[in-house]
PDB file of N, CA and C in Angstrom:
ATOM      1  N   MET A   1      77.883 180.523 105.599  1.00  0.00           N
ATOM      2  CA  MET A   1      77.854 180.999 106.992  1.00  0.00           C
ATOM      3  C   MET A   1      79.726 180.948 107.305  1.00  0.00           C
ATOM      4  N   LEU A   2      80.268 179.863 106.657  1.00  0.00           N
ATOM      5  CA  LEU A   2      81.386 179.432 106.635  1.00  0.00           C
ATOM      6  C   LEU A   2      82.470 180.598 106.551  1.00  0.00           C
ATOM      7  N   THR A   3      81.985 181.355 105.102  1.00  0.00           N
ATOM      8  CA  THR A   3      82.881 182.433 105.029  1.00  0.00           C
ATOM      9  C   THR A   3      83.064 183.633 105.806  1.00  0.00           C
ATOM     10  N   TYR A   4      81.576 183.982 106.721  1.00  0.00           N
ATOM     11  CA  TYR A   4      81.788 184.907 107.945  1.00  0.00           C
ATOM     12  C   TYR A   4      82.775 184.651 109.002  1.00  0.00           C
ATOM     13  N   HIS A   5      83.356 183.300 109.115  1.00  0.00           N
ATOM     14  CA  HIS A   5      84.596 182.828 110.017  1.00  0.00           C
ATOM     15  C   HIS A   5      85.384 182.677 109.555  1.00  0.00           C
ATOM     16  N   VAL A   6      85.960 183.122 108.190  1.00  0.00           N
ATOM     17  CA  VAL A   6      87.584 182.742 107.755  1.00  0.00           C
ATOM     18  C   VAL A   6      87.677 184.205 107.541  1.00  0.00           C
ATOM     19  N   VAL A   7      89.146 184.485 108.192  1.00  0.00           N
ATOM     20  CA  VAL A   7      89.639 185.833 107.734  1.00  0.00           C
ATOM     21  C   VAL A   7      90.737 185.331 106.712  1.00  0.00           C
ATOM     22  N   PRO A   8      91.292 186.140 105.593  1.00  0.00           N
ATOM     23  CA  PRO A   8      92.506 185.680 104.553  1.00  0.00           C
ATOM     24  C   PRO A   8      93.599 185.694 105.525  1.00  0.00           C
ATOM     25  N   GLY A   9      94.670 185.125 104.961  1.00  0.00           N
ATOM     26  CA  GLY A   9      96.020 184.831 105.384  1.00  0.00           C
ATOM     27  C   GLY A   9      96.015 183.701 106.699  1.00  0.00           C
ATOM     28  N   THR A  10      97.388 183.952 107.112  1.00  0.00           N
ATOM     29  CA  THR A  10      97.641 183.185 108.133  1.00  0.00           C
ATOM     30  C   THR A  10      98.173 184.026 109.092  1.00  0.00           C
ATOM     31  N   LEU A  11      97.163 184.065 110.429  1.00  0.00           N
ATOM     32  CA  LEU A  11      97.243 184.676 111.518  1.00  0.00           C
ATOM     33  C   LEU A  11      97.416 183.995 112.673  1.00  0.00           C
ATOM     34  N   THR A  12      98.514 183.494 113.265  1.00  0.00           N
ATOM     35  CA  THR A  12      98.637 183.245 114.744  1.00  0.00           C
ATOM     36  C   THR A  12      98.369 184.038 116.080  1.00  0.00           C
ATOM     37  N   ALA A  13      98.006 183.206 116.944  1.00  0.00           N
ATOM     38  CA  ALA A  13      97.611 183.784 118.063  1.00  0.00           C
ATOM     39  C   ALA A  13      98.404 185.013 118.607  1.00  0.00           C
ATOM     40  N   LYS A  14      99.845 184.469 118.168  1.00  0.00           N
ATOM     41  CA  LYS A  14     100.672 185.477 118.601  1.00  0.00           C
ATOM     42  C   LYS A  14     101.008 186.815 117.630  1.00  0.00           C
ATOM     43  N   ASP A  15     100.435 186.504 116.300  1.00  0.00           N
ATOM     44  CA  ASP A  15     100.306 187.683 115.324  1.00  0.00           C
ATOM     45  C   ASP A  15      98.987 188.496 115.501  1.00  0.00           C
ATOM     46  N   LEU A  16      98.131 187.643 115.790  1.00  0.00           N
ATOM     47  CA  LEU A  16      96.943 188.696 116.595  1.00  0.00           C
ATOM     48  C   LEU A  16      97.204 189.738 117.220  1.00  0.00           C
ATOM     49  N   MET A  17      98.273 189.221 118.614  1.00  0.00           N
ATOM     50  CA  MET A  17      98.241 189.667 120.353  1.00  0.00           C
ATOM     51  C   MET A  17      99.156 191.101 119.615  1.00  0.00           C
ATOM     52  N   GLU A  18      99.818 190.669 118.379  1.00  0.00           N
ATOM     53  CA  GLU A  18     100.835 192.128 117.924  1.00  0.00           C
ATOM     54  C   GLU A  18      99.894 193.267 116.983  1.00  0.00           C
ATOM     55  N   GLN A  19      99.246 192.268 116.775  1.00  0.00           N
ATOM     56  CA  GLN A  19      98.209 193.464 115.933  1.00  0.00           C
ATOM     57  C   GLN A  19      97.154 194.220 116.691  1.00  0.00           C
ATOM     58  N   ILE A  20      96.663 193.502 118.193  1.00  0.00           N
ATOM     59  CA  ILE A  20      96.139 194.262 118.785  1.00  0.00           C
ATOM     60  C   ILE A  20      97.153 195.475 119.587  1.00  0.00           C
ATOM     61  N   LYS A  21      98.126 194.876 119.828  1.00  0.00           N
ATOM     62  CA  LYS A  21      98.859 195.683 120.510  1.00  0.00           C
ATOM     63  C   LYS A  21      99.323 197.252 119.534  1.00  0.00           C
ATOM     64  N   ALA A  22      99.684 196.761 118.601  1.00  0.00           N
ATOM     65  CA  ALA A  22      99.911 197.925 117.344  1.00  0.00           C
ATOM     66  C   ALA A  22      98.470 198.546 117.092  1.00  0.00           C
ATOM     67  N   GLY A  23      97.421 198.008 117.255  1.00  0.00           N
ATOM     68  CA  GLY A  23      96.275 199.086 117.083  1.00  0.00           C
ATOM     69  C   GLY A  23      95.586 199.515 118.136  1.00  0.00           C
ATOM     70  N   GLY A  24      96.654 199.578 119.457  1.00  0.00           N
ATOM     71  CA  GLY A  24      95.770 200.530 120.299  1.00  0.00           C
ATOM     72  C   GLY A  24      94.979 199.841 121.455  1.00  0.00           C
ATOM     73  N   GLY A  25      94.882 198.424 121.169  1.00  0.00           N
ATOM     74  CA  GLY A  25      93.848 197.607 121.760  1.00  0.00           C
ATOM     75  C   GLY A  25      93.238 196.894 120.912  1.00  0.00           C
ATOM     76  N   LYS A  26      93.332 197.099 120.110  1.00  0.00           N
ATOM     77  CA  LYS A  26      92.201 196.244 119.098  1.00  0.00           C
ATOM     78  C   LYS A  26      92.754 196.181 117.544  1.00  0.00           C
ATOM     79  N   ALA A  27      92.463 195.005 117.249  1.00  0.00           N
ATOM     80  CA  ALA A  27      92.920 194.498 115.572  1.00  0.00           C
ATOM     81  C   ALA A  27      91.655 194.675 114.267  1.00  0.00           C
ATOM     82  N   GLU A  28      91.604 195.312 113.513  1.00  0.00           N
ATOM     83  CA  GLU A  28      90.467 195.285 112.720  1.00  0.00           C
ATOM     84  C   GLU A  28      90.681 194.096 111.661  1.00  0.00           C
ATOM     85  N   LEU A  29      89.677 193.275 111.685  1.00  0.00           N
ATOM     86  CA  LEU A  29      90.043 192.319 110.226  1.00  0.00           C
ATOM     87  C   LEU A  29      88.887 192.331 109.813  1.00  0.00           C
ATOM     88  N   LYS A  30      88.879 191.831 108.369  1.00  0.00           N
ATOM     89  CA  LYS A  30      87.620 191.755 107.592  1.00  0.00           C
ATOM     90  C   LYS A  30      87.898 190.162 107.087  1.00  0.00           C
ATOM     91  N   THR A  31      86.831 189.628 107.015  1.00  0.00           N
ATOM     92  CA  THR A  31      86.370 187.857 106.419  1.00  0.00           C
ATOM     93  C   THR A  31      86.278 188.210 105.068  1.00  0.00           C
ATOM     94  N   VAL A  32      86.221 186.756 104.504  1.00  0.00           N
ATOM     95  CA  VAL A  32      86.135 186.718 103.417  1.00  0.00           C
ATOM     96  C   VAL A  32      84.799 186.929 102.892  1.00  0.00           C
ATOM     97  N   GLN A  33      83.838 186.711 103.801  1.00  0.00           N
ATOM     98  CA  GLN A  33      82.625 187.446 103.416  1.00  0.00           C
ATOM     99  C   GLN A  33      82.531 188.951 103.214  1.00  0.00           C
ATOM    100  N   GLY A  34      83.837 189.555 103.669  1.00  0.00           N
ATOM    101  CA  GLY A  34      83.653 190.823 103.460  1.00  0.00           C
ATOM    102  C   GLY A  34      83.027 191.703 104.880  1.00  0.00           C
ATOM    103  N   GLU A  35      82.744 190.856 105.903  1.00  0.00           N
ATOM    104  CA  GLU A  35      82.239 191.667 107.270  1.00  0.00           C
ATOM    105  C   GLU A  35      83.458 191.729 108.222  1.00  0.00           C
ATOM    106  N   PRO A  36      83.229 193.097 109.005  1.00  0.00           N
ATOM    107  CA  PRO A  36      84.626 193.359 109.897  1.00  0.00           C
ATOM    108  C   PRO A  36      84.353 192.467 111.032  1.00  0.00           C
ATOM    109  N   LEU A  37      85.289 192.320 111.608  1.00  0.00           N
ATOM    110  CA  LEU A  37      85.726 191.793 113.041  1.00  0.00           C
ATOM    111  C   LEU A  37      86.443 192.698 114.018  1.00  0.00           C
ATOM    112  N   THR A  38      86.666 192.649 115.091  1.00  0.00           N
ATOM    113  CA  THR A  38      87.559 193.298 115.850  1.00  0.00           C
ATOM    114  C   THR A  38      88.011 192.184 117.197  1.00  0.00           C
ATOM    115  N   ALA A  39      89.372 192.008 117.093  1.00  0.00           N
ATOM    116  CA  ALA A  39      90.272 191.194 118.204  1.00  0.00           C
ATOM    117  C   ALA A  39      90.453 192.224 119.044  1.00  0.00           C
ATOM    118  N   THR A  40      90.437 191.678 120.492  1.00  0.00           N
ATOM    119  CA  THR A  40      90.969 192.722 121.447  1.00  0.00           C
ATOM    120  C   THR A  40      91.301 191.379 122.315  1.00  0.00           C
ATOM    121  N   GLU A  41      91.926 192.186 123.345  1.00  0.00           N
ATOM    122  CA  GLU A  41      92.601 191.224 124.437  1.00  0.00           C
ATOM    123  C   GLU A  41      91.848 191.657 125.683  1.00  0.00           C
ATOM    124  N   LYS A  42      91.620 190.378 126.218  1.00  0.00           N
ATOM    125  CA  LYS A  42      91.109 190.728 127.629  1.00  0.00           C
ATOM    126  C   LYS A  42      91.709 189.550 128.895  1.00  0.00           C
ATOM    127  N   GLY A  43      92.412 190.199 129.490  1.00  0.00           N
ATOM    128  CA  GLY A  43      93.442 189.124 130.403  1.00  0.00           C
ATOM    129  C   GLY A  43      94.223 188.452 129.267  1.00  0.00           C
ATOM    130  N   LYS A  44      94.505 187.243 129.175  1.00  0.00           N
ATOM    131  CA  LYS A  44      95.210 186.375 128.455  1.00  0.00           C
ATOM    132  C   LYS A  44      94.413 186.408 126.992  1.00  0.00           C
ATOM    133  N   ALA A  45      93.387 186.454 127.033  1.00  0.00           N
ATOM    134  CA  ALA A  45      92.637 186.027 126.171  1.00  0.00           C
ATOM    135  C   ALA A  45      92.476 186.933 124.916  1.00  0.00           C
ATOM    136  N   ILE A  46      92.258 186.235 123.416  1.00  0.00           N
ATOM    137  CA  ILE A  46      91.816 186.755 122.196  1.00  0.00           C
ATOM    138  C   ILE A  46      90.116 186.846 122.289  1.00  0.00           C
ATOM    139  N   VAL A  47      89.510 187.814 122.243  1.00  0.00           N
ATOM    140  CA  VAL A  47      87.908 188.100 122.423  1.00  0.00           C
ATOM    141  C   VAL A  47      87.728 188.338 120.885  1.00  0.00           C
ATOM    142  N   ILE A  48      86.835 187.862 119.898  1.00  0.00           N
ATOM    143  CA  ILE A  48      86.578 188.458 118.464  1.00  0.00           C
ATOM    144  C   ILE A  48      84.824 188.782 118.553  1.00  0.00           C
ATOM    145  N   THR A  49      84.843 190.031 118.063  1.00  0.00           N
ATOM    146  CA  THR A  49      83.632 190.819 118.374  1.00  0.00           C
ATOM    147  C   THR A  49      83.476 191.003 116.906  1.00  0.00           C
ATOM    148  N   ASP A  50      81.785 190.894 116.309  1.00  0.00           N
ATOM    149  CA  ASP A  50      81.533 191.109 115.068  1.00  0.00           C
ATOM    150  C   ASP A  50      80.798 192.568 114.846  1.00  0.00           C
ATOM    151  N   SER A  51      80.561 192.938 113.982  1.00  0.00           N
ATOM    152  CA  SER A  51      79.506 194.412 113.811  1.00  0.00           C
ATOM    153  C   SER A  51      78.495 194.507 114.731  1.00  0.00           C
ATOM    154  N   LYS A  52      77.570 193.418 114.870  1.00  0.00           N
ATOM    155  CA  LYS A  52      76.880 193.511 115.401  1.00  0.00           C
ATOM    156  C   LYS A  52      76.951 193.591 116.864  1.00  0.00           C
ATOM    157  N   GLY A  53      78.167 193.236 117.529  1.00  0.00           N
ATOM    158  CA  GLY A  53      78.547 193.252 118.813  1.00  0.00           C
ATOM    159  C   GLY A  53      78.468 192.299 119.692  1.00  0.00           C
ATOM    160  N   ASP A  54      78.346 191.348 118.918  1.00  0.00           N
ATOM    161  CA  ASP A  54      78.302 189.878 119.614  1.00  0.00           C
ATOM    162  C   ASP A  54      79.848 189.307 119.749  1.00  0.00           C
ATOM    163  N   ALA A  55      80.479 188.719 120.712  1.00  0.00           N
ATOM    164  CA  ALA A  55      81.668 188.085 121.150  1.00  0.00           C
ATOM    165  C   ALA A  55      81.775 186.978 121.099  1.00  0.00           C
ATOM    166  N   ALA A  56      82.899 186.464 120.855  1.00  0.00           N
ATOM    167  CA  ALA A  56      83.379 185.106 121.142  1.00  0.00           C
ATOM    168  C   ALA A  56      84.916 185.445 121.775  1.00  0.00           C
ATOM    169  N   THR A  57      85.357 184.215 122.579  1.00  0.00           N
ATOM    170  CA  THR A  57      86.743 184.229 123.144  1.00  0.00           C
ATOM    171  C   THR A  57      87.020 182.669 122.520  1.00  0.00           C
ATOM    172  N   VAL A  58      88.529 183.094 122.047  1.00  0.00           N
ATOM    173  CA  VAL A  58      89.070 182.271 121.759  1.00  0.00           C
ATOM    174  C   VAL A  58      89.654 181.502 122.673  1.00  0.00           C
ATOM    175  N   THR A  59      89.235 180.233 122.752  1.00  0.00           N
ATOM    176  CA  THR A  59      89.401 178.848 123.783  1.00  0.00           C
ATOM    177  C   THR A  59      90.342 178.113 123.204  1.00  0.00           C
ATOM    178  N   ILE A  60      90.769 177.621 122.030  1.00  0.00           N
ATOM    179  CA  ILE A  60      92.160 177.239 121.757  1.00  0.00           C
ATOM    180  C   ILE A  60      92.505 177.540 120.185  1.00  0.00           C
ATOM    181  N   PRO A  61      93.585 178.075 120.499  1.00  0.00           N
ATOM    182  CA  PRO A  61      94.497 178.976 119.522  1.00  0.00           C
ATOM    183  C   PRO A  61      95.541 177.933 118.383  1.00  0.00           C
ATOM    184  N   ASN A  62      95.781 178.293 117.319  1.00  0.00           N
ATOM    185  CA  ASN A  62      96.380 177.641 116.671  1.00  0.00           C
ATOM    186  C   ASN A  62      96.581 176.608 116.291  1.00  0.00           C
ATOM    187  N   VAL A  63      95.717 176.232 115.723  1.00  0.00           N
ATOM    188  CA  VAL A  63      95.417 175.111 115.567  1.00  0.00           C
ATOM    189  C   VAL A  63      95.596 174.768 113.862  1.00  0.00           C
ATOM    190  N   MET A  64      97.137 174.194 113.649  1.00  0.00           N
ATOM    191  CA  MET A  64      97.527 174.470 112.064  1.00  0.00           C
ATOM    192  C   MET A  64      97.021 173.444 111.516  1.00  0.00           C
ATOM    193  N   GLN A  65      96.636 173.973 110.210  1.00  0.00           N
ATOM    194  CA  GLN A  65      96.479 173.044 108.947  1.00  0.00           C
ATOM    195  C   GLN A  65      97.191 173.546 107.699  1.00  0.00           C
ATOM    196  N   SER A  66      96.801 172.632 106.910  1.00  0.00           N
ATOM    197  CA  SER A  66      97.650 173.139 105.605  1.00  0.00           C
ATOM    198  C   SER A  66      97.123 174.195 104.860  1.00  0.00           C
ATOM    199  N   ASN A  67      95.606 174.825 105.031  1.00  0.00           N
ATOM    200  CA  ASN A  67      95.577 175.770 104.349  1.00  0.00           C
ATOM    201  C   ASN A  67      95.175 177.205 105.708  1.00  0.00           C
ATOM    202  N   GLY A  68      95.776 177.351 106.463  1.00  0.00           N
ATOM    203  CA  GLY A  68      95.754 178.085 107.358  1.00  0.00           C
ATOM    204  C   GLY A  68      95.735 177.588 108.802  1.00  0.00           C
ATOM    205  N   VAL A  69      95.262 178.378 109.465  1.00  0.00           N
ATOM    206  CA  VAL A  69      95.392 178.437 111.394  1.00  0.00           C
ATOM    207  C   VAL A  69      94.044 178.456 111.628  1.00  0.00           C
ATOM    208  N   ILE A  70      93.349 177.555 112.489  1.00  0.00           N
ATOM    209  CA  ILE A  70      92.041 177.664 113.276  1.00  0.00           C
ATOM    210  C   ILE A  70      92.271 178.364 114.423  1.00  0.00           C
ATOM    211  N   HIS A  71      91.302 179.100 115.051  1.00  0.00           N
ATOM    212  CA  HIS A  71      91.102 179.273 116.504  1.00  0.00           C
ATOM    213  C   HIS A  71      89.909 178.839 116.895  1.00  0.00           C
ATOM    214  N   VAL A  72      89.580 177.897 117.598  1.00  0.00           N
ATOM    215  CA  VAL A  72      88.169 177.946 118.173  1.00  0.00           C
ATOM    216  C   VAL A  72      87.984 178.595 119.028  1.00  0.00           C
ATOM    217  N   VAL A  73      86.292 179.113 118.613  1.00  0.00           N
ATOM    218  CA  VAL A  73      86.030 180.316 120.035  1.00  0.00           C
ATOM    219  C   VAL A  73      84.990 179.225 120.840  1.00  0.00           C
ATOM    220  N   ASN A  74      84.328 179.848 121.692  1.00  0.00           N
ATOM    221  CA  ASN A  74      83.411 179.725 122.456  1.00  0.00           C
ATOM    222  C   ASN A  74      81.930 179.754 122.091  1.00  0.00           C
ATOM    223  N   THR A  75      81.732 180.379 121.021  1.00  0.00           N
ATOM    224  CA  THR A  75      80.466 180.396 120.783  1.00  0.00           C
ATOM    225  C   THR A  75      80.135 180.380 118.661  1.00  0.00           C
ATOM    226  N   VAL A  76      79.337 180.094 118.274  1.00  0.00           N
ATOM    227  CA  VAL A  76      79.117 180.232 116.943  1.00  0.00           C
ATOM    228  C   VAL A  76      78.632 181.954 116.677  1.00  0.00           C
ATOM    229  N   MET A  77      78.950 182.371 115.879  1.00  0.00           N
ATOM    230  CA  MET A  77      78.944 183.855 115.337  1.00  0.00           C
ATOM    231  C   MET A  77      78.036 183.638 113.895  1.00  0.00           C
ATOM    232  N   LEU A  78      76.943 184.545 114.218  1.00  0.00           N
ATOM    233  CA  LEU A  78      76.325 184.121 112.782  1.00  0.00           C
ATOM    234  C   LEU A  78      76.273 185.790 112.108  1.00  0.00           C
ATOM    235  N   PRO A  79      76.004 185.718 110.988  1.00  0.00           N
ATOM    236  CA  PRO A  79      76.034 187.360 110.386  1.00  0.00           C
ATOM    237  C   PRO A  79      74.614 187.891 110.177  1.00  0.00           C
TER     238      PRO A  79
END
């Protein structure tokens, strides 16, 4: 289940917002597990939607770690 929540690379909230704007309102991401996620902007928040249409809002962005960046979301996303 963890690989369903991990996207390769180091993407800060600023990076995600830039990708969303460049993508015309959405950024397509692929998890380590190979599943698609879509990032969109809702107000000032980033919303992550999975292929089933389940959505989670980033509540705490940019928790910097030695192996990447964690963005805390308000719900568990299940494959």
